[in-house]
Amino acid sequence: MSGPLGSLRIIHVFRSPVGGLFRHVMDVVRGQIARGHQLGIICDSLTGGEHAATLLRKLSPDLALGLTRLPMPRQIGLSDLLITRHVANRVVREGPDVVHGHGAKGAAYARLAVSNSGPCRVYTPHGGSLLYRPGTAVSSFYLTLEKILRSRTDLFLFESAFIERLYRAKVGDPGAISRIVPNGVSDEEFAPVPLKPDATDLLYVGELRHLKGVDLLIDALAALRSKGKTLSATIVGDGRSRQELIERTKALALDDVVRFLPPTPAREAFALGRTMIVPSRAESFPYIVLEAAAAAKPLVVTNVGGIADMFGPYADRLIAPNDHDAIERALMKSINETESTAANARLLQQRIKANFSLTNMVDDGIAAYRVAIAARKG
């Protein structure tokens, strides 16, 4: 169990090593290792590509409790029984103090694999099953599973106040120790990012799927061009809607001003466009907004998920989701009012620095582990 000088043995379990969830886990794991704890990871082998493989390979020598990658399908199936058994076997072999599941699937494995007499079971939702459209069969199914697994959870670590409110509204009282430990960014991420000579007017960075609203950006560009205002844009990322979006851009005769680039580390991507746009239809607590705000990038962002909590007193700058006119107006304001836009970006940067620290995220998470472990022993 616990190592020397009060160090903890911790295994993190999650499905897909992509996006904000992956960044969160990697930040937490590195921070916990730096504080003298012993770490292990269990995650999916089907997703993440070479980028995830490279990061995990570099981290692997520092993982005292090992790294295992297994095929973890998105949908529930018989293979989930084998993965749960693997997690259970790892728990018996490594003797962790904490098994921390991230996202609906990863946390299901973590909580089902650990008995009531085993290590502390921790759950961080990251949106997951809580973001399905209410009233649908799939939403009802996954919320039922959330309610069942609630009794197998010793600590809820909510990554934002928004997700904590959503959990209580959709599932109910956690019925266990719960803490809000917001996602955070490092001090280095507050350094400015100089623009490249070929930087476009606008920049999108993230997954390419319907939920992210990139089609709304493309339509707004077409509408503005028809009114005599042509803006250029760089779209960085990948996803199941990539080809569809490329074809939409060509059909609207925008391929001369819109370029699609493969996934790129956020701070490298920030050099490719002047104003960052996040036109999402739904979100949890997106890292890309935290990262862009830390770098003082001018932002056009929809008011979804926990973004209003992130913006705090500046939430009135957010625009309504799925509103073409609002996106057009916000884009034009950002381009035409460059001085006030830059000043607003600096104010938001100050708020992010004061409230969303990576150091606090790691330290507060460890402190919550210790409270839950003590309560479990009691």
Foldseek 3Di string as FASTA:
>chain_A
DADPPRAFEEEEFEEACDFPLVVQVLLLVVLSLVVPHAYEYEYAPPHDPPVSVVSCVVCQVSHNLGYHHYHDDPDDDPVLVVLLCVLLVSCVVVVGQEYEYEALSRLVSQLVSADLLGHAREYEHQCHLLVPDPPDPSNVVSLVVVLVSLVSHAEYEYQFPLVVVSCCVRNNDSPHHYDHQHAFDAPVLLAAQAADPQAWAEEEADEDDVQQPVVLVLVLQLVVVVVVDHGAYEYEEYYPCVVVVVVVCVVSVNVVRYYYYYHDPLSVRLNRHQEYERQGNAGAAGPSVLSCLSNLRQYAYAPHHCVCVLQPVNSVSYHHHPDSVRVNVNSVCCVVVVVVSSVSSVVSNVSSVVPGHSSSSNVVVVVSSVVSSVVSVD
